[in-house]
Amino acid sequence: MNDQAYENLKGFFGTYSALATKLGSSRSSVAQWRTRGVPILKAVAIESMTKGEIPATELLSPEAKLLWEKAISIDGKEMRENIHDEV
């Protein structure tokens, strides 16, 4: 995840502590996301909570992003359209 994506989280949720609370995570876990990327399920939840304003793909590590893109291409357009309803 790049620094801008991490800052966008703070901009949307107000504080990283507020984000951690909404996701049921610890503040220290959220701090680690800056260097490690957001876990896939948490990234999907964030995309859903922000109604797509912060896309999951911007939050993932390069490895997780590659897996995500492969999963999307396997399941097709329908998966991407329904993501906001599933979390």
C-alpha atoms as a PDB file:
ATOM      1  CA  MET A   1       0.000   0.000   0.000  1.00  0.00           C
ATOM      2  CA  ASN A   2       1.272   3.448  -0.777  1.00  0.00           C
ATOM      3  CA  ASP A   3       1.399   6.312   1.725  1.00  0.00           C
ATOM      4  CA  GLN A   4      -1.440   8.190   0.011  1.00  0.00           C
ATOM      5  CA  ALA A   5      -3.807   5.226   0.388  1.00  0.00           C
ATOM      6  CA  TYR A   6      -2.907   4.983   4.078  1.00  0.00           C
ATOM      7  CA  GLU A   7      -3.577   8.708   4.541  1.00  0.00           C
ATOM      8  CA  ASN A   8      -6.906   8.319   2.707  1.00  0.00           C
ATOM      9  CA  LEU A   9      -7.977   5.904   5.429  1.00  0.00           C
ATOM     10  CA  LYS A  10      -7.377   8.542   8.070  1.00  0.00           C
ATOM     11  CA  GLY A  11      -9.132  11.154   5.974  1.00  0.00           C
ATOM     12  CA  PHE A  12     -12.240   9.016   5.621  1.00  0.00           C
ATOM     13  CA  PHE A  13     -12.457   7.574   9.144  1.00  0.00           C
ATOM     14  CA  GLY A  14     -11.037  10.552  11.067  1.00  0.00           C
ATOM     15  CA  THR A  15      -8.433   8.577  13.000  1.00  0.00           C
ATOM     16  CA  TYR A  16      -6.713   5.243  12.660  1.00  0.00           C
ATOM     17  CA  SER A  17      -8.156   4.324  16.057  1.00  0.00           C
ATOM     18  CA  ALA A  18     -11.675   4.890  14.731  1.00  0.00           C
ATOM     19  CA  LEU A  19     -10.895   2.700  11.733  1.00  0.00           C
ATOM     20  CA  ALA A  20      -9.508  -0.027  14.009  1.00  0.00           C
ATOM     21  CA  THR A  21     -12.658   0.067  16.133  1.00  0.00           C
ATOM     22  CA  LYS A  22     -14.981  -0.158  13.114  1.00  0.00           C
ATOM     23  CA  LEU A  23     -13.068  -3.175  11.789  1.00  0.00           C
ATOM     24  CA  GLY A  24     -12.590  -4.910  15.127  1.00  0.00           C
ATOM     25  CA  SER A  25      -8.819  -4.553  14.811  1.00  0.00           C
ATOM     26  CA  SER A  26      -6.208  -3.110  17.127  1.00  0.00           C
ATOM     27  CA  ARG A  27      -4.588   0.260  16.509  1.00  0.00           C
ATOM     28  CA  SER A  28      -1.213  -1.499  16.274  1.00  0.00           C
ATOM     29  CA  SER A  29      -2.537  -3.767  13.503  1.00  0.00           C
ATOM     30  CA  VAL A  30      -3.710  -0.735  11.562  1.00  0.00           C
ATOM     31  CA  ALA A  31      -0.275   0.853  11.997  1.00  0.00           C
ATOM     32  CA  GLN A  32       1.363  -2.254  10.501  1.00  0.00           C
ATOM     33  CA  TRP A  33      -0.806  -1.968   7.401  1.00  0.00           C
ATOM     34  CA  ARG A  34       1.302   0.967   6.186  1.00  0.00           C
ATOM     35  CA  THR A  35       4.217  -1.368   5.473  1.00  0.00           C
ATOM     36  CA  ARG A  36       2.475  -4.718   5.067  1.00  0.00           C
ATOM     37  CA  GLY A  37      -0.738  -3.736   3.322  1.00  0.00           C
ATOM     38  CA  VAL A  38      -4.248  -4.362   4.579  1.00  0.00           C
ATOM     39  CA  PRO A  39      -5.399  -7.993   4.848  1.00  0.00           C
ATOM     40  CA  ILE A  40      -7.685  -8.857   1.934  1.00  0.00           C
ATOM     41  CA  LEU A  41     -10.890  -9.278   3.956  1.00  0.00           C
ATOM     42  CA  LYS A  42     -10.278  -6.014   5.828  1.00  0.00           C
ATOM     43  CA  ALA A  43      -9.576  -4.224   2.526  1.00  0.00           C
ATOM     44  CA  VAL A  44     -12.857  -5.505   1.108  1.00  0.00           C
ATOM     45  CA  ALA A  45     -14.669  -4.329   4.248  1.00  0.00           C
ATOM     46  CA  ILE A  46     -13.081  -0.873   3.913  1.00  0.00           C
ATOM     47  CA  GLU A  47     -14.096  -0.649   0.256  1.00  0.00           C
ATOM     48  CA  SER A  48     -17.633  -1.568   1.250  1.00  0.00           C
ATOM     49  CA  MET A  49     -17.763   0.904   4.165  1.00  0.00           C
ATOM     50  CA  THR A  50     -16.480   3.704   1.940  1.00  0.00           C
ATOM     51  CA  LYS A  51     -18.850   2.733  -0.911  1.00  0.00           C
ATOM     52  CA  GLY A  52     -15.851   2.324  -3.202  1.00  0.00           C
ATOM     53  CA  GLU A  53     -14.238   5.661  -2.380  1.00  0.00           C
ATOM     54  CA  ILE A  54     -11.207   3.732  -1.120  1.00  0.00           C
ATOM     55  CA  PRO A  55     -10.778   0.705  -3.398  1.00  0.00           C
ATOM     56  CA  ALA A  56      -9.527  -2.513  -1.829  1.00  0.00           C
ATOM     57  CA  THR A  57      -6.796  -2.794  -4.448  1.00  0.00           C
ATOM     58  CA  GLU A  58      -5.166   0.438  -3.219  1.00  0.00           C
ATOM     59  CA  LEU A  59      -4.804  -1.028   0.259  1.00  0.00           C
ATOM     60  CA  LEU A  60      -3.264  -4.408  -0.512  1.00  0.00           C
ATOM     61  CA  SER A  61       0.349  -5.506  -0.539  1.00  0.00           C
ATOM     62  CA  PRO A  62       1.688  -6.167  -4.059  1.00  0.00           C
ATOM     63  CA  GLU A  63       1.347  -9.935  -3.501  1.00  0.00           C
ATOM     64  CA  ALA A  64      -2.224  -9.698  -2.236  1.00  0.00           C
ATOM     65  CA  LYS A  65      -3.122  -7.319  -5.061  1.00  0.00           C
ATOM     66  CA  LEU A  66      -1.932  -9.887  -7.600  1.00  0.00           C
ATOM     67  CA  LEU A  67      -4.083 -12.592  -5.969  1.00  0.00           C
ATOM     68  CA  TRP A  68      -7.050 -10.209  -5.870  1.00  0.00           C
ATOM     69  CA  GLU A  69      -6.743  -9.354  -9.555  1.00  0.00           C
ATOM     70  CA  LYS A  70      -6.525 -13.034 -10.472  1.00  0.00           C
ATOM     71  CA  ALA A  71      -9.631 -13.799  -8.412  1.00  0.00           C
ATOM     72  CA  ILE A  72     -11.543 -10.957 -10.072  1.00  0.00           C
ATOM     73  CA  SER A  73     -10.554 -12.138 -13.532  1.00  0.00           C
ATOM     74  CA  ILE A  74     -11.666 -15.686 -12.710  1.00  0.00           C
ATOM     75  CA  ASP A  75     -15.037 -14.668 -11.304  1.00  0.00           C
ATOM     76  CA  GLY A  76     -15.583 -11.834 -13.750  1.00  0.00           C
ATOM     77  CA  LYS A  77     -17.407  -8.549 -13.652  1.00  0.00           C
ATOM     78  CA  GLU A  78     -20.260  -9.757 -11.452  1.00  0.00           C
ATOM     79  CA  MET A  79     -17.971 -10.229  -8.445  1.00  0.00           C
ATOM     80  CA  ARG A  80     -16.752  -6.634  -8.635  1.00  0.00           C
ATOM     81  CA  GLU A  81     -20.281  -5.241  -9.010  1.00  0.00           C
ATOM     82  CA  ASN A  82     -21.542  -7.082  -5.922  1.00  0.00           C
ATOM     83  CA  ILE A  83     -18.633  -6.416  -3.584  1.00  0.00           C
ATOM     84  CA  HIS A  84     -20.352  -3.535  -1.788  1.00  0.00           C
ATOM     85  CA  ASP A  85     -23.315  -5.729  -0.878  1.00  0.00           C
ATOM     86  CA  GLU A  86     -21.344  -8.668   0.510  1.00  0.00           C
ATOM     87  CA  VAL A  87     -19.552  -7.142   3.504  1.00  0.00           C
END
